[in-house]
């Protein structure tokens, strides 16, 4: 039997896929988003999925549904309060954790870790969640209060075979050092076989107006249609035509990439390939919701590498426990 695992803020299941592949026993997932929980339930029919605000859930609730002691807690609280891409991000760093309603969900994750007392937890977020010394110290303090020392593991998804860039911090009570691979996958490595495939779910091409097609036709590799300004004042491009021979930029919740050679947006499946989702993982909800589920996920190549790295360490911790 694998290590009993729960996934908090589970989304479409990118974090869970990696842990399931390696042999962790995913028993329960929680998310408030209806489309995401539908997607998760469809792809993990054996897992109990709770669609609710995590503020309403206690550790005893989770233990009741699981029926056993929880070994591992994974999860990804919302990153919007912390990311510089959010133009509405609170000015004061500590306010993002203690006053922002979504930022407070990080504290709810910590509360459930306290109530469940797992052997290992892994919490994913954007690096800016500890982008200032005050925020980093606050996160350390909150985990210290419940008896855990934490490590801030900065990992780049592209180092583990993911064909898009993604730097994230994985806050855990263990140090995570997955082995890096030498060969990096390009956009074309990932999506070249998907053109006009009708036997794969979520691969429908979006119809565009003639005007939009003309706009797109003028773009070279790396060019974009528009941009928006983040809270840091930095302009962030949107609707980029991908360079097929390079790694894709970071996939965001509001990302829509343009196909390298065709004058259209990527399909949901092509975008999911950039996050190393397997083709049998089905996304439900509106097209907008499907794209968001892809962009807000932990890339599967990275979640799998993390799961492999910590499996031995988790068993070591359990076997050495008094």
Protein backbone atom coordinates (compact mmCIF):
# COMPACT_ATOMS: atom_id res chain seq x y z
CA UNK A 1 0.00 0.00 0.00
CA UNK A 2 1.28 3.47 -0.90
CA UNK A 3 1.67 6.42 1.40
CA UNK A 4 -1.72 7.97 2.21
CA UNK A 5 -1.82 11.39 0.52
CA UNK A 6 -4.26 14.31 0.31
CA UNK A 7 -4.15 17.15 -2.20
CA UNK A 8 -5.32 20.58 -0.98
CA UNK A 9 -6.25 23.18 -3.64
CA UNK A 10 -6.01 20.28 -6.07
CA UNK A 11 -7.15 22.06 -9.26
CA UNK A 12 -7.16 19.78 -12.31
CA UNK A 13 -4.74 17.34 -10.70
CA UNK A 14 -1.28 18.13 -12.06
CA UNK A 15 0.30 17.68 -8.63
CA UNK A 16 -1.64 14.48 -7.95
CA UNK A 17 -0.73 12.82 -11.27
CA UNK A 18 2.97 12.83 -10.43
CA UNK A 19 2.45 11.42 -6.96
CA UNK A 20 0.04 8.75 -8.20
CA UNK A 21 2.51 7.70 -10.91
CA UNK A 22 5.21 7.11 -8.35
CA UNK A 23 2.97 5.07 -6.05
CA UNK A 24 1.53 7.49 -3.50
CA UNK A 25 -2.03 6.58 -2.50
CA UNK A 26 -4.08 9.72 -3.23
CA UNK A 27 -7.21 9.42 -1.07
CA UNK A 28 -8.77 12.89 -1.02
CA UNK A 29 -8.66 16.18 -2.92
CA UNK A 30 -10.19 19.55 -2.08
CA UNK A 31 -10.89 22.52 -4.34
CA UNK A 32 -13.55 25.23 -4.44
CA UNK A 33 -13.71 25.53 -8.23
CA UNK A 34 -16.57 23.52 -9.74
CA UNK A 35 -15.02 22.96 -13.18
CA UNK A 36 -11.71 21.90 -11.60
CA UNK A 37 -13.35 19.39 -9.24
CA UNK A 38 -15.32 17.94 -12.18
CA UNK A 39 -12.06 17.53 -14.06
CA UNK A 40 -10.34 16.00 -11.04
CA UNK A 41 -13.20 13.57 -10.31
CA UNK A 42 -13.28 12.41 -13.93
CA UNK A 43 -9.56 11.64 -13.99
CA UNK A 44 -9.29 10.26 -10.44
CA UNK A 45 -12.53 8.32 -9.94
CA UNK A 46 -11.05 6.43 -7.00
CA UNK A 47 -10.36 9.64 -5.03
CA UNK A 48 -12.84 11.37 -2.72
CA UNK A 49 -13.20 14.93 -4.03
CA UNK A 50 -14.63 17.69 -1.86
CA UNK A 51 -15.84 20.86 -3.58
CA UNK A 52 -15.83 23.46 -0.82
CA UNK A 53 -14.04 26.44 0.67
CA UNK A 54 -11.12 24.95 2.55
CA UNK A 55 -11.91 27.28 5.45
CA UNK A 56 -14.90 25.02 6.12
CA UNK A 57 -12.80 21.84 6.29
CA UNK A 58 -11.06 20.51 9.39
CA UNK A 59 -8.40 17.88 9.79
CA UNK A 60 -10.99 15.65 11.47
CA UNK A 61 -13.21 15.97 8.38
CA UNK A 62 -10.36 14.78 6.19
CA UNK A 63 -9.48 11.90 8.51
CA UNK A 64 -13.14 10.87 8.56
CA UNK A 65 -13.33 10.65 4.77
CA UNK A 66 -9.93 8.99 4.41
CA UNK A 67 -10.33 6.63 7.36
CA UNK A 68 -6.61 6.44 7.99
CA UNK A 69 -3.70 8.52 9.23
CA UNK A 70 -2.44 10.95 6.57
CA UNK A 71 1.21 10.47 5.61
CA UNK A 72 1.65 13.22 3.01
CA UNK A 73 -0.07 16.54 2.30
CA UNK A 74 0.51 18.26 -1.04
CA UNK A 75 -1.19 21.32 -2.48
CA UNK A 76 -1.05 24.70 -4.14
CA UNK A 77 -2.76 27.62 -2.36
CA UNK A 78 -3.67 30.52 -4.70
CA UNK A 79 -0.67 32.44 -6.01
CA UNK A 80 -2.59 35.57 -7.10
CA UNK A 81 -2.02 37.47 -3.82
CA UNK A 82 1.76 37.12 -4.22
CA UNK A 83 2.58 37.19 -7.93
CA UNK A 84 3.89 40.35 -9.52
CA UNK A 85 1.67 39.56 -12.53
CA UNK A 86 -1.37 40.54 -10.44
CA UNK A 87 -1.97 44.30 -10.89
CA UNK A 88 -4.19 44.29 -7.75
CA UNK A 89 -1.57 42.73 -5.47
CA UNK A 90 -1.45 44.44 -2.05
CA UNK A 91 1.39 46.89 -1.65
CA UNK A 92 2.63 45.69 1.77
CA UNK A 93 4.10 42.16 1.57
CA UNK A 94 2.76 40.93 4.91
CA UNK A 95 -0.74 42.14 4.00
CA UNK A 96 -0.69 39.64 1.13
CA UNK A 97 -0.47 36.80 3.66
CA UNK A 98 -2.49 38.11 6.59
CA UNK A 99 -5.10 40.47 5.08
CA UNK A 100 -5.73 39.35 1.50
CA UNK A 101 -8.60 36.82 1.58
CA UNK A 102 -6.92 34.53 -0.93
CA UNK A 103 -3.52 35.05 0.69
CA UNK A 104 -4.97 33.82 3.97
CA UNK A 105 -5.59 30.47 2.30
CA UNK A 106 -1.86 29.80 2.73
CA UNK A 107 -2.50 29.99 6.47
CA UNK A 108 -5.42 27.57 6.03
CA UNK A 109 -3.04 25.11 4.38
CA UNK A 110 -0.71 25.45 7.36
CA UNK A 111 -3.66 24.97 9.75
CA UNK A 112 -4.56 21.68 8.08
CA UNK A 113 -0.95 20.52 8.16
CA UNK A 114 -1.05 21.20 11.92
CA UNK A 115 -4.29 19.27 12.36
CA UNK A 116 -3.23 16.32 10.19
CA UNK A 117 0.43 16.10 11.35
CA UNK A 118 1.71 14.41 8.17
CA UNK A 119 5.18 12.97 7.92
CA UNK A 120 5.81 15.20 4.91
CA UNK A 121 4.07 18.16 3.30
CA UNK A 122 4.86 19.94 0.02
CA UNK A 123 3.26 23.32 -0.71
CA UNK A 124 3.75 24.86 -4.17
CA UNK A 125 3.58 28.55 -4.99
CA UNK A 126 5.25 31.36 -6.92
CA UNK A 127 8.69 32.41 -5.65
CA UNK A 128 7.32 35.84 -4.68
CA UNK A 129 5.43 34.22 -1.80
CA UNK A 130 8.80 34.56 -0.06
CA UNK A 131 10.01 37.42 -2.25
CA UNK A 132 10.74 39.67 0.72
CA UNK A 133 12.53 38.86 3.96
CA UNK A 134 9.41 39.73 5.93
CA UNK A 135 7.25 37.27 3.98
CA UNK A 136 9.87 34.53 4.16
CA UNK A 137 10.24 35.01 7.91
CA UNK A 138 6.45 34.99 8.34
CA UNK A 139 6.09 31.68 6.47
CA UNK A 140 8.93 30.17 8.50
CA UNK A 141 7.33 31.44 11.71
CA UNK A 142 3.88 30.05 10.88
CA UNK A 143 5.31 26.58 10.23
CA UNK A 144 7.61 26.85 13.27
CA UNK A 145 4.54 27.52 15.44
CA UNK A 146 3.13 24.12 14.47
CA UNK A 147 6.44 22.34 14.97
CA UNK A 148 7.87 22.09 11.45
CA UNK A 149 11.16 23.37 10.07
CA UNK A 150 10.78 24.29 6.41
CA UNK A 151 12.97 24.24 3.31
CA UNK A 152 12.37 26.56 0.36
CA UNK A 153 13.00 24.41 -2.72
CA UNK A 154 13.26 26.51 -5.90
CA UNK A 155 12.73 24.33 -8.97
CA UNK A 156 12.55 25.03 -12.71
CA UNK A 157 10.07 22.78 -14.51
CA UNK A 158 12.03 22.96 -17.77
CA UNK A 159 14.97 21.24 -16.04
CA UNK A 160 12.86 18.10 -15.68
CA UNK A 161 11.57 17.76 -19.22
CA UNK A 162 8.65 20.20 -19.16
CA UNK A 163 8.45 22.04 -22.51
CA UNK A 164 7.52 25.39 -20.93
CA UNK A 165 9.32 27.52 -18.40
CA UNK A 166 8.05 27.57 -14.83
CA UNK A 167 9.96 28.53 -11.70
CA UNK A 168 8.20 27.70 -8.47
CA UNK A 169 9.04 27.30 -4.80
CA UNK A 170 8.06 24.08 -3.07
CA UNK A 171 7.89 24.73 0.65
CA UNK A 172 8.38 21.48 2.53
CA UNK A 173 9.72 19.98 5.73
CA UNK A 174 12.24 18.09 3.59
CA UNK A 175 14.88 19.26 1.12
CA UNK A 176 13.95 18.38 -2.46
CA UNK A 177 16.70 17.88 -5.01
CA UNK A 178 15.35 16.02 -8.05
CA UNK A 179 18.05 15.04 -10.55
CA UNK A 180 18.22 17.37 -13.51
CA UNK A 181 17.98 16.07 -17.05
CA UNK A 182 20.35 17.22 -19.76
CA UNK A 183 17.96 17.36 -22.73
CA UNK A 184 15.27 20.02 -22.67
CA UNK A 185 12.06 19.53 -24.66
CA UNK A 186 11.02 22.19 -27.16
CA UNK A 187 7.53 23.33 -28.14
CA UNK A 188 7.68 21.31 -31.36
CA UNK A 189 8.89 18.21 -29.49
CA UNK A 190 5.72 18.51 -27.43
CA UNK A 191 2.97 19.37 -29.94
CA UNK A 192 4.11 18.48 -33.47
CA UNK A 193 2.02 15.30 -33.66
CA UNK A 194 -1.25 16.93 -32.56
CA UNK A 195 -2.23 18.78 -35.73
CA UNK A 196 -5.74 17.86 -36.86
CA UNK A 197 -5.90 14.93 -34.41
CA UNK A 198 -9.51 14.15 -33.53
CA UNK A 199 -8.82 11.04 -31.46
CA UNK A 200 -7.47 13.02 -28.48
CA UNK A 201 -9.73 14.96 -26.09
CA UNK A 202 -9.61 18.75 -25.76
CA UNK A 203 -7.95 19.19 -29.16
CA UNK A 204 -10.65 21.26 -30.86
CA UNK A 205 -9.41 24.30 -32.81
CA UNK A 206 -11.01 27.62 -31.89
CA UNK A 207 -12.63 29.52 -34.74
CA UNK A 208 -11.33 33.08 -35.13
CA UNK A 209 -12.60 36.10 -37.01
CA UNK A 210 -10.90 37.09 -40.26
CA UNK A 211 -9.64 40.24 -38.57
CA UNK A 212 -7.99 38.24 -35.76
CA UNK A 213 -6.43 35.83 -38.25
CA UNK A 214 -4.93 38.78 -40.15
CA UNK A 215 -3.45 40.16 -36.92
CA UNK A 216 -1.94 36.81 -36.03
CA UNK A 217 -0.54 36.26 -39.54
CA UNK A 218 1.79 39.24 -39.08
CA UNK A 219 3.48 37.77 -36.01
CA UNK A 220 6.90 36.15 -36.13
CA UNK A 221 8.21 33.72 -33.50
CA UNK A 222 8.19 35.46 -30.10
CA UNK A 223 5.94 38.33 -31.23
CA UNK A 224 2.70 38.95 -29.33
CA UNK A 225 -0.68 40.60 -29.85
CA UNK A 226 -0.95 42.60 -26.61
CA UNK A 227 0.36 42.93 -23.07
CA UNK A 228 -0.76 43.87 -19.59
CA UNK A 229 1.00 45.62 -16.74
CA UNK A 230 1.62 43.70 -13.52
CA UNK A 231 1.81 45.13 -10.01
CA UNK A 232 5.57 45.60 -10.33
CA UNK A 233 5.05 47.85 -13.36
CA UNK A 234 6.48 45.22 -15.70
CA UNK A 235 4.70 44.67 -19.01
CA UNK A 236 3.72 41.03 -19.53
CA UNK A 237 3.03 39.92 -23.13
CA UNK A 238 -0.08 37.94 -24.04
CA UNK A 239 -0.91 35.86 -27.12
CA UNK A 240 2.70 35.06 -28.04
CA UNK A 241 3.50 33.16 -31.22
CA UNK A 242 5.60 30.30 -29.96
CA UNK A 243 9.07 29.54 -31.24
CA UNK A 244 8.84 25.84 -32.12
CA UNK A 245 12.55 25.26 -31.54
CA UNK A 246 12.65 26.70 -28.02
CA UNK A 247 10.97 26.12 -24.68
CA UNK A 248 7.64 27.94 -24.32
CA UNK A 249 7.25 30.86 -21.92
CA UNK A 250 5.48 30.26 -18.61
CA UNK A 251 1.91 29.07 -19.07
CA UNK A 252 -0.36 31.32 -16.99
CA UNK A 253 -4.02 30.98 -16.10
CA UNK A 254 -4.83 33.67 -18.66
CA UNK A 255 -2.34 32.40 -21.25
CA UNK A 256 -3.29 31.78 -24.83
CA UNK A 257 -0.38 30.93 -27.08
CA UNK A 258 -0.37 31.17 -30.86
CA UNK A 259 0.64 28.13 -32.89
CA UNK A 260 4.17 28.36 -34.33
CA UNK A 261 3.11 27.74 -37.95
CA UNK A 262 -0.66 28.16 -38.11
CA UNK A 263 -2.65 31.35 -37.62
CA UNK A 264 -4.62 30.19 -34.60
CA UNK A 265 -4.43 29.73 -30.85
CA UNK A 266 -3.19 26.47 -29.39
CA UNK A 267 -5.88 23.99 -28.49
CA UNK A 268 -6.38 23.12 -24.82
CA UNK A 269 -4.60 19.81 -25.48
CA UNK A 270 -1.61 21.49 -27.12
CA UNK A 271 -1.39 23.85 -24.16
CA UNK A 272 -1.70 20.89 -21.79
CA UNK A 273 1.22 19.21 -23.59
CA UNK A 274 3.29 22.28 -22.67
CA UNK A 275 2.55 21.38 -19.03
CA UNK A 276 3.37 17.69 -19.71
CA UNK A 277 -0.16 16.46 -19.03
CA UNK A 278 -0.85 13.00 -20.48
CA UNK A 279 -3.32 12.87 -23.37
CA UNK A 280 -5.82 10.76 -21.43
CA UNK A 281 -6.29 13.52 -18.86
CA UNK A 282 -9.62 15.14 -19.75
CA UNK A 283 -10.41 18.78 -18.96
CA UNK A 284 -14.03 19.77 -18.31
CA UNK A 285 -15.81 23.12 -18.09
CA UNK A 286 -15.88 26.02 -20.54
CA UNK A 287 -12.91 26.57 -22.82
CA UNK A 288 -11.84 29.46 -20.58
CA UNK A 289 -12.00 27.23 -17.53
CA UNK A 290 -10.06 24.48 -19.28
CA UNK A 291 -7.23 26.85 -20.25
CA UNK A 292 -7.17 28.19 -16.68
CA UNK A 293 -6.93 24.68 -15.24
CA UNK A 294 -3.92 23.98 -17.45
CA UNK A 295 -2.19 27.26 -16.62
CA UNK A 296 -2.68 27.02 -12.87
CA UNK A 297 -1.30 23.49 -12.54
CA UNK A 298 1.94 22.00 -11.31
CA UNK A 299 3.57 20.63 -14.49
CA UNK A 300 3.30 16.86 -14.46
CA UNK A 301 6.96 16.29 -15.34
CA UNK A 302 7.93 18.32 -12.28
CA UNK A 303 5.38 16.78 -9.90
CA UNK A 304 6.58 13.32 -10.96
CA UNK A 305 10.22 14.22 -10.35
CA UNK A 306 9.39 15.64 -6.92
CA UNK A 307 7.37 12.55 -6.00
CA UNK A 308 10.21 10.24 -7.01
CA UNK A 309 12.69 12.28 -4.99
CA UNK A 310 10.69 12.30 -1.79
CA UNK A 311 9.38 8.71 -1.85
CA UNK A 312 12.57 7.27 -0.38
CA UNK A 313 12.88 10.12 2.11
CA UNK A 314 9.29 9.69 3.28
CA UNK A 315 9.75 5.98 3.85
CA UNK A 316 12.97 6.77 5.70
CA UNK A 317 11.18 9.19 8.00
CA UNK A 318 8.35 6.73 8.68
CA UNK A 319 10.64 3.77 9.30
CA UNK A 320 12.81 5.74 11.70
CA UNK A 321 9.84 7.09 13.69
CA UNK A 322 9.67 5.82 17.30
